[in-house]
Amino acid sequence: MSNPFLNHLHKTKKLDVVLGNSNAGITLIEMLVVSVIIAILSAIAVPNVLGMFNFGRVKEGIAQVEGGFKEAQRQAIRLGKQCRVTINAANNTITAQTVEATPRNCLLSERKLNDNLEISTNDAIITFGSKGNPDNDPASVYIVYMTGGTLEQRCLVIAPGLGIMRTGDYDGDPTDIPNLDANNCS
């Protein structure tokens, strides 16, 4: 009782391959083809992965800036005192202090952006009143971007009056500080 399918596989020597009894290996050309395919896929994937990594860093940086402002705004309301927040673009730090003499600070800790991030602003010092309203007029614009010419730019706009904050992507030149415009933050 022979199986015609197994007989056919045995005659064509494919039964040994199916059962794993083959001594056949892979050729050098097959290895080169696979290596070239892997190299092409890597060349396509690596820039995309680096772009996502840079976008994540910029997003984290703008979140630190926004968090610092919101914390100072809350502390001003909680303490019933003015809180001044200073952006030091030279060393990428965000610090705060109360305007009135008090031992308490408006920020629980100083915030520092990553080394490869830069911050640009048209308002380096902003003061939140005891009701949380800022002293800025016009709107304050803060842009966090990567050094090295990448296109990742995120912005934070603080509206005058109520101090409502919004973030978005910045479409202008972050180094043109006199012309930073809240309308470019979308």
N, C-alpha and C. Protein backbone atom coordinates (compact mmCIF):
# COMPACT_ATOMS: atom_id res chain seq x y z
N MET A 1 0.84 -1.16 0.00
CA MET A 1 0.00 0.00 0.00
C MET A 1 0.90 1.23 0.00
N SER A 2 1.15 1.72 -1.14
CA SER A 2 2.04 2.87 -1.25
C SER A 2 1.23 4.12 -1.54
N ASN A 3 1.73 5.18 -1.01
CA ASN A 3 1.08 6.48 -1.20
C ASN A 3 1.71 7.15 -2.43
N PRO A 4 0.90 7.51 -3.43
CA PRO A 4 1.47 8.09 -4.65
C PRO A 4 2.15 9.44 -4.39
N PHE A 5 1.65 10.18 -3.42
CA PHE A 5 2.27 11.48 -3.13
C PHE A 5 3.66 11.30 -2.55
N LEU A 6 3.79 10.37 -1.57
CA LEU A 6 5.10 10.11 -0.98
C LEU A 6 6.06 9.54 -2.00
N ASN A 7 5.55 8.68 -2.90
CA ASN A 7 6.41 8.15 -3.96
C ASN A 7 6.94 9.27 -4.85
N HIS A 8 6.07 10.23 -5.16
CA HIS A 8 6.50 11.35 -6.00
C HIS A 8 7.55 12.21 -5.29
N LEU A 9 7.33 12.48 -3.98
CA LEU A 9 8.30 13.26 -3.22
C LEU A 9 9.63 12.53 -3.12
N HIS A 10 9.59 11.22 -2.94
CA HIS A 10 10.80 10.43 -2.83
C HIS A 10 11.58 10.43 -4.14
N LYS A 11 10.87 10.35 -5.26
CA LYS A 11 11.54 10.35 -6.57
C LYS A 11 12.17 11.71 -6.87
N THR A 12 11.55 12.74 -6.46
CA THR A 12 12.09 14.07 -6.76
C THR A 12 13.04 14.56 -5.66
N LYS A 13 13.31 13.72 -4.66
CA LYS A 13 14.21 14.01 -3.54
C LYS A 13 13.71 15.15 -2.65
N LYS A 14 12.45 15.49 -2.78
CA LYS A 14 11.89 16.53 -1.94
C LYS A 14 11.46 15.98 -0.59
N LEU A 15 11.30 14.66 -0.48
CA LEU A 15 10.93 14.07 0.79
C LEU A 15 12.03 14.26 1.82
N ASP A 16 13.29 14.19 1.37
CA ASP A 16 14.41 14.41 2.28
C ASP A 16 14.40 15.85 2.82
N VAL A 17 14.04 16.80 1.97
CA VAL A 17 13.99 18.19 2.40
C VAL A 17 12.85 18.39 3.39
N VAL A 18 11.67 17.77 3.10
CA VAL A 18 10.52 17.92 3.98
C VAL A 18 10.81 17.29 5.33
N LEU A 19 11.48 16.16 5.35
CA LEU A 19 11.78 15.47 6.59
C LEU A 19 13.02 16.01 7.29
N GLY A 20 13.75 16.92 6.65
CA GLY A 20 14.94 17.50 7.25
C GLY A 20 16.17 16.65 7.08
N ASN A 21 16.19 15.73 6.14
CA ASN A 21 17.33 14.85 5.94
C ASN A 21 18.27 15.38 4.86
N SER A 22 18.16 16.62 4.49
CA SER A 22 18.93 17.15 3.38
C SER A 22 20.27 17.68 3.87
N ASN A 23 21.28 17.54 3.07
CA ASN A 23 22.59 18.10 3.35
C ASN A 23 22.78 19.42 2.61
N ALA A 24 21.74 19.89 1.97
CA ALA A 24 21.85 21.12 1.18
C ALA A 24 22.00 22.32 2.11
N GLY A 25 22.81 23.30 1.69
CA GLY A 25 23.03 24.53 2.44
C GLY A 25 22.59 25.71 1.60
N ILE A 26 23.03 26.88 2.02
CA ILE A 26 22.70 28.06 1.22
C ILE A 26 23.97 28.53 0.52
N THR A 27 23.77 29.11 -0.63
CA THR A 27 24.91 29.53 -1.43
C THR A 27 25.33 30.94 -1.03
N LEU A 28 26.49 31.32 -1.50
CA LEU A 28 27.01 32.65 -1.22
C LEU A 28 26.12 33.72 -1.85
N ILE A 29 25.61 33.46 -3.01
CA ILE A 29 24.73 34.43 -3.69
C ILE A 29 23.46 34.63 -2.89
N GLU A 30 22.89 33.56 -2.37
CA GLU A 30 21.69 33.70 -1.54
C GLU A 30 21.97 34.54 -0.29
N MET A 31 23.13 34.33 0.32
CA MET A 31 23.50 35.13 1.49
C MET A 31 23.67 36.59 1.12
N LEU A 32 24.28 36.87 -0.04
CA LEU A 32 24.47 38.25 -0.48
C LEU A 32 23.14 38.93 -0.77
N VAL A 33 22.21 38.21 -1.40
CA VAL A 33 20.89 38.78 -1.69
C VAL A 33 20.18 39.15 -0.40
N VAL A 34 20.21 38.26 0.58
CA VAL A 34 19.56 38.54 1.86
C VAL A 34 20.24 39.72 2.55
N SER A 35 21.57 39.79 2.49
CA SER A 35 22.30 40.91 3.10
C SER A 35 21.94 42.23 2.45
N VAL A 36 21.81 42.25 1.12
CA VAL A 36 21.46 43.48 0.41
C VAL A 36 20.03 43.91 0.79
N ILE A 37 19.12 42.97 0.88
CA ILE A 37 17.74 43.30 1.27
C ILE A 37 17.71 43.88 2.68
N ILE A 38 18.45 43.29 3.60
CA ILE A 38 18.51 43.80 4.98
C ILE A 38 19.12 45.20 5.00
N ALA A 39 20.16 45.43 4.21
CA ALA A 39 20.80 46.75 4.16
C ALA A 39 19.84 47.81 3.61
N ILE A 40 19.08 47.47 2.60
CA ILE A 40 18.12 48.42 2.02
C ILE A 40 17.03 48.74 3.04
N LEU A 41 16.49 47.74 3.71
CA LEU A 41 15.46 47.98 4.72
C LEU A 41 16.00 48.81 5.88
N SER A 42 17.24 48.57 6.27
CA SER A 42 17.85 49.36 7.34
C SER A 42 18.03 50.81 6.92
N ALA A 43 18.46 51.03 5.69
CA ALA A 43 18.66 52.39 5.20
C ALA A 43 17.34 53.17 5.16
N ILE A 44 16.25 52.47 4.94
CA ILE A 44 14.95 53.12 4.92
C ILE A 44 14.44 53.35 6.35
N ALA A 45 14.65 52.41 7.23
CA ALA A 45 14.07 52.46 8.57
C ALA A 45 14.82 53.36 9.54
N VAL A 46 16.14 53.43 9.47
CA VAL A 46 16.92 54.17 10.46
C VAL A 46 16.56 55.66 10.50
N PRO A 47 16.46 56.37 9.38
CA PRO A 47 16.07 57.79 9.48
C PRO A 47 14.68 57.98 10.08
N ASN A 48 13.75 57.09 9.79
CA ASN A 48 12.42 57.21 10.38
C ASN A 48 12.45 57.01 11.89
N VAL A 49 13.23 56.07 12.35
CA VAL A 49 13.35 55.82 13.78
C VAL A 49 14.01 57.02 14.47
N LEU A 50 15.07 57.58 13.86
CA LEU A 50 15.73 58.75 14.44
C LEU A 50 14.79 59.95 14.46
N GLY A 51 13.97 60.11 13.44
CA GLY A 51 13.00 61.21 13.41
C GLY A 51 11.98 61.07 14.53
N MET A 52 11.50 59.87 14.77
CA MET A 52 10.55 59.65 15.86
C MET A 52 11.22 59.91 17.21
N PHE A 53 12.48 59.52 17.33
CA PHE A 53 13.22 59.74 18.57
C PHE A 53 13.39 61.25 18.82
N ASN A 54 13.76 62.01 17.79
CA ASN A 54 13.92 63.46 17.92
C ASN A 54 12.59 64.13 18.25
N PHE A 55 11.51 63.69 17.61
CA PHE A 55 10.19 64.26 17.89
C PHE A 55 9.82 64.02 19.35
N GLY A 56 10.13 62.84 19.86
CA GLY A 56 9.85 62.53 21.26
C GLY A 56 10.63 63.44 22.21
N ARG A 57 11.88 63.73 21.88
CA ARG A 57 12.68 64.62 22.72
C ARG A 57 12.11 66.03 22.74
N VAL A 58 11.72 66.53 21.55
CA VAL A 58 11.17 67.89 21.48
C VAL A 58 9.84 67.94 22.22
N LYS A 59 9.03 66.91 22.07
CA LYS A 59 7.74 66.87 22.76
C LYS A 59 7.94 66.84 24.28
N GLU A 60 8.93 66.10 24.73
CA GLU A 60 9.24 66.07 26.17
C GLU A 60 9.72 67.43 26.65
N GLY A 61 10.51 68.12 25.83
CA GLY A 61 11.01 69.44 26.20
C GLY A 61 9.89 70.46 26.34
N ILE A 62 8.97 70.48 25.39
CA ILE A 62 7.86 71.45 25.48
C ILE A 62 6.95 71.09 26.66
N ALA A 63 6.84 69.81 26.97
CA ALA A 63 6.04 69.40 28.14
C ALA A 63 6.69 69.90 29.43
N GLN A 64 8.03 69.91 29.50
CA GLN A 64 8.71 70.44 30.68
C GLN A 64 8.45 71.94 30.82
N VAL A 65 8.52 72.66 29.70
CA VAL A 65 8.28 74.10 29.73
C VAL A 65 6.84 74.38 30.18
N GLU A 66 5.89 73.68 29.56
CA GLU A 66 4.48 73.87 29.91
C GLU A 66 4.23 73.50 31.37
N GLY A 67 4.82 72.41 31.82
CA GLY A 67 4.66 71.99 33.21
C GLY A 67 5.20 73.01 34.19
N GLY A 68 6.32 73.64 33.84
CA GLY A 68 6.89 74.67 34.70
C GLY A 68 5.97 75.87 34.82
N PHE A 69 5.41 76.31 33.69
CA PHE A 69 4.50 77.45 33.73
C PHE A 69 3.22 77.13 34.50
N LYS A 70 2.67 75.96 34.26
CA LYS A 70 1.43 75.59 34.95
C LYS A 70 1.66 75.45 36.45
N GLU A 71 2.80 74.90 36.83
CA GLU A 71 3.11 74.77 38.25
C GLU A 71 3.26 76.14 38.89
N ALA A 72 3.96 77.06 38.24
CA ALA A 72 4.12 78.41 38.79
C ALA A 72 2.77 79.13 38.88
N GLN A 73 1.92 78.92 37.88
CA GLN A 73 0.59 79.53 37.89
C GLN A 73 -0.23 79.01 39.07
N ARG A 74 -0.21 77.69 39.28
CA ARG A 74 -0.94 77.09 40.42
C ARG A 74 -0.38 77.57 41.75
N GLN A 75 0.96 77.64 41.84
CA GLN A 75 1.59 78.08 43.09
C GLN A 75 1.24 79.55 43.39
N ALA A 76 1.16 80.39 42.35
CA ALA A 76 0.79 81.79 42.57
C ALA A 76 -0.62 81.88 43.15
N ILE A 77 -1.51 81.07 42.61
CA ILE A 77 -2.89 81.06 43.13
C ILE A 77 -2.92 80.51 44.55
N ARG A 78 -2.21 79.41 44.77
CA ARG A 78 -2.21 78.74 46.08
C ARG A 78 -1.59 79.63 47.15
N LEU A 79 -0.47 80.29 46.83
CA LEU A 79 0.22 81.12 47.81
C LEU A 79 -0.39 82.52 47.93
N GLY A 80 -1.19 82.90 46.92
CA GLY A 80 -1.75 84.25 46.91
C GLY A 80 -0.70 85.31 46.68
N LYS A 81 0.37 84.95 45.99
CA LYS A 81 1.48 85.85 45.72
C LYS A 81 1.85 85.78 44.24
N GLN A 82 2.59 86.79 43.79
CA GLN A 82 3.06 86.76 42.41
C GLN A 82 4.21 85.78 42.28
N CYS A 83 4.23 85.05 41.16
CA CYS A 83 5.33 84.14 40.86
C CYS A 83 5.94 84.53 39.53
N ARG A 84 7.23 84.70 39.52
CA ARG A 84 7.94 85.07 38.30
C ARG A 84 8.69 83.85 37.77
N VAL A 85 8.50 83.56 36.49
CA VAL A 85 9.18 82.44 35.84
C VAL A 85 10.18 83.03 34.86
N THR A 86 11.42 82.54 34.92
CA THR A 86 12.48 83.03 34.05
C THR A 86 12.95 81.89 33.15
N ILE A 87 12.99 82.16 31.85
CA ILE A 87 13.55 81.21 30.88
C ILE A 87 14.95 81.69 30.56
N ASN A 88 15.93 80.89 30.86
CA ASN A 88 17.32 81.21 30.54
C ASN A 88 17.70 80.42 29.30
N ALA A 89 17.65 81.06 28.14
CA ALA A 89 17.93 80.36 26.88
C ALA A 89 19.39 79.97 26.76
N ALA A 90 20.28 80.64 27.48
CA ALA A 90 21.71 80.32 27.38
C ALA A 90 22.01 78.93 27.91
N ASN A 91 21.37 78.54 29.01
CA ASN A 91 21.62 77.20 29.54
C ASN A 91 20.36 76.35 29.60
N ASN A 92 19.29 76.77 28.89
CA ASN A 92 18.06 75.99 28.76
C ASN A 92 17.45 75.59 30.09
N THR A 93 17.38 76.54 31.02
CA THR A 93 16.77 76.23 32.31
C THR A 93 15.53 77.09 32.50
N ILE A 94 14.62 76.59 33.31
CA ILE A 94 13.39 77.28 33.66
C ILE A 94 13.39 77.40 35.18
N THR A 95 13.44 78.61 35.67
CA THR A 95 13.46 78.82 37.12
C THR A 95 12.32 79.76 37.49
N ALA A 96 11.96 79.76 38.74
CA ALA A 96 10.88 80.63 39.21
C ALA A 96 11.22 81.13 40.60
N GLN A 97 10.67 82.28 40.92
CA GLN A 97 10.82 82.83 42.25
C GLN A 97 9.60 83.67 42.56
N THR A 98 9.33 83.81 43.81
CA THR A 98 8.23 84.69 44.19
C THR A 98 8.75 86.12 44.18
N VAL A 99 7.90 87.02 43.77
CA VAL A 99 8.31 88.42 43.70
C VAL A 99 8.38 89.01 45.10
N GLU A 100 7.41 88.69 45.92
CA GLU A 100 7.43 89.17 47.30
C GLU A 100 8.40 88.31 48.11
N ALA A 101 8.96 88.89 49.14
CA ALA A 101 9.93 88.16 49.95
C ALA A 101 9.26 87.00 50.66
N THR A 102 9.70 85.83 50.35
CA THR A 102 9.16 84.63 50.99
C THR A 102 10.20 83.53 50.84
N PRO A 103 10.25 82.60 51.75
CA PRO A 103 11.23 81.52 51.60
C PRO A 103 10.81 80.45 50.59
N ARG A 104 9.57 80.50 50.13
CA ARG A 104 9.09 79.46 49.22
C ARG A 104 9.34 79.86 47.76
N ASN A 105 9.63 78.88 46.95
CA ASN A 105 9.77 79.11 45.51
C ASN A 105 8.48 78.72 44.80
N CYS A 106 8.29 79.26 43.63
CA CYS A 106 7.08 78.94 42.86
C CYS A 106 7.21 77.61 42.11
N LEU A 107 8.42 77.20 41.82
CA LEU A 107 8.63 75.89 41.22
C LEU A 107 9.24 74.98 42.27
N LEU A 108 8.78 73.76 42.32
CA LEU A 108 9.32 72.83 43.29
C LEU A 108 10.75 72.44 42.96
N SER A 109 11.10 72.48 41.65
CA SER A 109 12.47 72.20 41.24
C SER A 109 12.75 72.92 39.93
N GLU A 110 14.01 73.19 39.71
CA GLU A 110 14.41 73.81 38.45
C GLU A 110 14.29 72.79 37.33
N ARG A 111 13.86 73.24 36.18
CA ARG A 111 13.73 72.35 35.03
C ARG A 111 14.82 72.68 34.03
N LYS A 112 15.44 71.63 33.48
CA LYS A 112 16.49 71.82 32.48
C LYS A 112 16.18 70.94 31.28
N LEU A 113 16.27 71.55 30.11
CA LEU A 113 16.02 70.80 28.88
C LEU A 113 17.24 69.94 28.55
N ASN A 114 17.03 68.92 27.72
CA ASN A 114 18.13 68.07 27.27
C ASN A 114 19.18 68.91 26.56
N ASP A 115 20.40 68.40 26.50
CA ASP A 115 21.51 69.15 25.92
C ASP A 115 21.32 69.50 24.46
N ASN A 116 20.66 68.66 23.70
CA ASN A 116 20.52 68.92 22.26
C ASN A 116 19.23 69.67 21.93
N LEU A 117 18.56 70.23 22.92
CA LEU A 117 17.37 71.03 22.69
C LEU A 117 17.68 72.50 22.94
N GLU A 118 17.04 73.35 22.17
CA GLU A 118 17.16 74.80 22.34
C GLU A 118 15.77 75.37 22.60
N ILE A 119 15.74 76.52 23.27
CA ILE A 119 14.48 77.20 23.50
C ILE A 119 14.62 78.64 23.05
N SER A 120 13.60 79.12 22.34
CA SER A 120 13.54 80.53 21.92
C SER A 120 12.25 81.12 22.47
N THR A 121 12.31 82.39 22.82
CA THR A 121 11.12 83.03 23.37
C THR A 121 11.14 84.53 23.10
N ASN A 122 9.95 85.10 23.05
CA ASN A 122 9.84 86.56 22.95
C ASN A 122 9.58 87.18 24.33
N ASP A 123 9.54 86.35 25.37
CA ASP A 123 9.25 86.84 26.71
C ASP A 123 9.98 85.95 27.72
N ALA A 124 11.23 86.32 28.06
CA ALA A 124 12.06 85.46 28.91
C ALA A 124 11.60 85.44 30.36
N ILE A 125 10.88 86.49 30.78
CA ILE A 125 10.39 86.55 32.17
C ILE A 125 8.89 86.81 32.12
N ILE A 126 8.15 85.95 32.80
CA ILE A 126 6.70 86.14 32.88
C ILE A 126 6.30 86.02 34.34
N THR A 127 5.42 86.90 34.77
CA THR A 127 4.98 86.91 36.16
C THR A 127 3.50 86.56 36.21
N PHE A 128 3.17 85.58 37.04
CA PHE A 128 1.78 85.21 37.27
C PHE A 128 1.31 85.91 38.53
N GLY A 129 0.17 86.59 38.44
CA GLY A 129 -0.39 87.27 39.60
C GLY A 129 -1.01 86.29 40.58
N SER A 130 -1.50 86.81 41.67
CA SER A 130 -2.05 85.95 42.71
C SER A 130 -3.32 85.22 42.27
N LYS A 131 -3.91 85.65 41.16
CA LYS A 131 -5.07 84.95 40.61
C LYS A 131 -4.69 84.08 39.41
N GLY A 132 -3.40 83.96 39.13
CA GLY A 132 -2.92 83.10 38.06
C GLY A 132 -2.85 83.76 36.70
N ASN A 133 -3.17 85.04 36.65
CA ASN A 133 -3.13 85.72 35.36
C ASN A 133 -1.72 86.23 35.08
N PRO A 134 -1.24 86.10 33.82
CA PRO A 134 0.12 86.53 33.49
C PRO A 134 0.16 88.03 33.19
N ASP A 135 1.37 88.57 33.22
CA ASP A 135 1.57 89.99 32.92
C ASP A 135 2.01 90.23 31.48
N ASN A 136 1.82 89.25 30.62
CA ASN A 136 2.32 89.37 29.25
C ASN A 136 1.33 90.07 28.33
N ASP A 137 1.85 90.90 27.44
CA ASP A 137 1.04 91.50 26.38
C ASP A 137 2.00 91.94 25.31
N PRO A 138 2.03 91.37 24.17
CA PRO A 138 1.11 90.39 23.59
C PRO A 138 1.39 88.98 24.11
N ALA A 139 0.84 88.00 23.42
CA ALA A 139 0.99 86.61 23.84
C ALA A 139 2.46 86.21 23.88
N SER A 140 2.82 85.43 24.88
CA SER A 140 4.19 84.92 25.00
C SER A 140 4.31 83.64 24.19
N VAL A 141 5.40 83.54 23.42
CA VAL A 141 5.64 82.37 22.57
C VAL A 141 6.94 81.72 23.02
N TYR A 142 6.90 80.40 23.22
CA TYR A 142 8.07 79.63 23.61
C TYR A 142 8.21 78.49 22.62
N ILE A 143 9.40 78.36 22.01
CA ILE A 143 9.62 77.33 21.00
C ILE A 143 10.76 76.44 21.45
N VAL A 144 10.53 75.14 21.43
CA VAL A 144 11.57 74.16 21.74
C VAL A 144 11.87 73.42 20.44
N TYR A 145 13.17 73.33 20.11
CA TYR A 145 13.57 72.68 18.86
C TYR A 145 14.91 71.99 19.05
N MET A 146 15.22 71.08 18.13
CA MET A 146 16.47 70.32 18.17
C MET A 146 17.59 71.14 17.57
N THR A 147 18.78 71.03 18.14
CA THR A 147 19.94 71.62 17.50
C THR A 147 20.39 70.68 16.39
N GLY A 148 21.07 71.20 15.43
CA GLY A 148 21.57 70.35 14.36
C GLY A 148 20.71 70.36 13.11
N GLY A 149 19.79 71.27 13.00
CA GLY A 149 19.06 71.44 11.76
C GLY A 149 17.88 70.52 11.52
N THR A 150 17.42 69.79 12.53
CA THR A 150 16.22 68.97 12.31
C THR A 150 15.00 69.87 12.29
N LEU A 151 13.93 69.37 11.74
CA LEU A 151 12.73 70.18 11.56
C LEU A 151 11.75 70.10 12.72
N GLU A 152 12.10 69.38 13.76
CA GLU A 152 11.19 69.21 14.88
C GLU A 152 11.13 70.50 15.70
N GLN A 153 9.97 71.15 15.73
CA GLN A 153 9.78 72.38 16.50
C GLN A 153 8.40 72.34 17.14
N ARG A 154 8.35 72.48 18.46
CA ARG A 154 7.08 72.56 19.17
C ARG A 154 7.01 73.91 19.86
N CYS A 155 5.80 74.42 20.04
CA CYS A 155 5.65 75.75 20.61
C CYS A 155 4.59 75.74 21.71
N LEU A 156 4.72 76.72 22.59
CA LEU A 156 3.77 76.97 23.67
C LEU A 156 3.43 78.44 23.61
N VAL A 157 2.14 78.75 23.63
CA VAL A 157 1.67 80.13 23.62
C VAL A 157 0.88 80.37 24.90
N ILE A 158 1.22 81.45 25.61
CA ILE A 158 0.48 81.85 26.80
C ILE A 158 -0.29 83.11 26.44
N ALA A 159 -1.61 83.00 26.46
CA ALA A 159 -2.46 84.14 26.09
C ALA A 159 -2.43 85.18 27.20
N PRO A 160 -2.44 86.46 26.82
CA PRO A 160 -2.50 87.51 27.85
C PRO A 160 -3.86 87.50 28.54
N GLY A 161 -3.91 88.06 29.72
CA GLY A 161 -5.18 88.14 30.45
C GLY A 161 -5.40 86.95 31.34
N LEU A 162 -5.95 85.88 30.77
CA LEU A 162 -6.30 84.71 31.57
C LEU A 162 -5.16 83.71 31.73
N GLY A 163 -4.18 83.76 30.84
CA GLY A 163 -3.06 82.84 30.94
C GLY A 163 -3.35 81.46 30.40
N ILE A 164 -4.28 81.38 29.45
CA ILE A 164 -4.59 80.08 28.84
C ILE A 164 -3.40 79.66 27.99
N MET A 165 -3.00 78.39 28.12
CA MET A 165 -1.83 77.88 27.41
C MET A 165 -2.25 76.87 26.37
N ARG A 166 -1.56 76.94 25.22
CA ARG A 166 -1.78 75.94 24.17
C ARG A 166 -0.44 75.58 23.55
N THR A 167 -0.34 74.35 23.11
CA THR A 167 0.89 73.88 22.45
C THR A 167 0.56 73.46 21.03
N GLY A 168 1.57 73.39 20.21
CA GLY A 168 1.40 72.96 18.83
C GLY A 168 2.74 72.88 18.12
N ASP A 169 2.69 72.76 16.80
CA ASP A 169 3.88 72.75 15.97
C ASP A 169 4.15 74.17 15.51
N TYR A 170 5.42 74.56 15.52
CA TYR A 170 5.77 75.91 15.10
C TYR A 170 6.20 75.89 13.64
N ASP A 171 5.65 76.81 12.84
CA ASP A 171 5.90 76.82 11.41
C ASP A 171 6.91 77.89 10.98
N GLY A 172 7.40 78.72 11.87
CA GLY A 172 8.31 79.79 11.51
C GLY A 172 9.75 79.44 11.85
N ASP A 173 10.60 80.46 11.83
CA ASP A 173 12.01 80.31 12.16
C ASP A 173 12.18 80.58 13.65
N PRO A 174 12.59 79.58 14.45
CA PRO A 174 12.68 79.78 15.89
C PRO A 174 13.84 80.68 16.30
N THR A 175 14.79 80.91 15.40
CA THR A 175 15.93 81.76 15.75
C THR A 175 15.67 83.24 15.47
N ASP A 176 14.57 83.55 14.78
CA ASP A 176 14.20 84.94 14.48
C ASP A 176 13.36 85.47 15.65
N ILE A 177 14.01 85.73 16.78
CA ILE A 177 13.32 86.03 18.03
C ILE A 177 12.43 87.28 17.95
N PRO A 178 12.84 88.37 17.29
CA PRO A 178 11.94 89.53 17.26
C PRO A 178 10.63 89.27 16.51
N ASN A 179 10.62 88.27 15.64
CA ASN A 179 9.43 88.00 14.83
C ASN A 179 8.71 86.72 15.23
N LEU A 180 8.92 86.23 16.45
CA LEU A 180 8.18 85.05 16.90
C LEU A 180 6.70 85.42 16.97
N ASP A 181 5.87 84.60 16.36
CA ASP A 181 4.45 84.94 16.23
C ASP A 181 3.59 83.79 16.74
N ALA A 182 2.64 84.11 17.60
CA ALA A 182 1.73 83.08 18.13
C ALA A 182 0.89 82.45 17.03
N ASN A 183 0.67 83.15 15.93
CA ASN A 183 -0.12 82.60 14.83
C ASN A 183 0.61 81.48 14.09
N ASN A 184 1.93 81.38 14.25
CA ASN A 184 2.69 80.29 13.63
C ASN A 184 2.64 79.01 14.46
N CYS A 185 2.02 79.07 15.60
CA CYS A 185 1.90 77.90 16.48
C CYS A 185 0.52 77.26 16.23
N SER A 186 0.54 76.14 15.55
CA SER A 186 -0.74 75.50 15.22
C SER A 186 -0.73 74.03 15.60
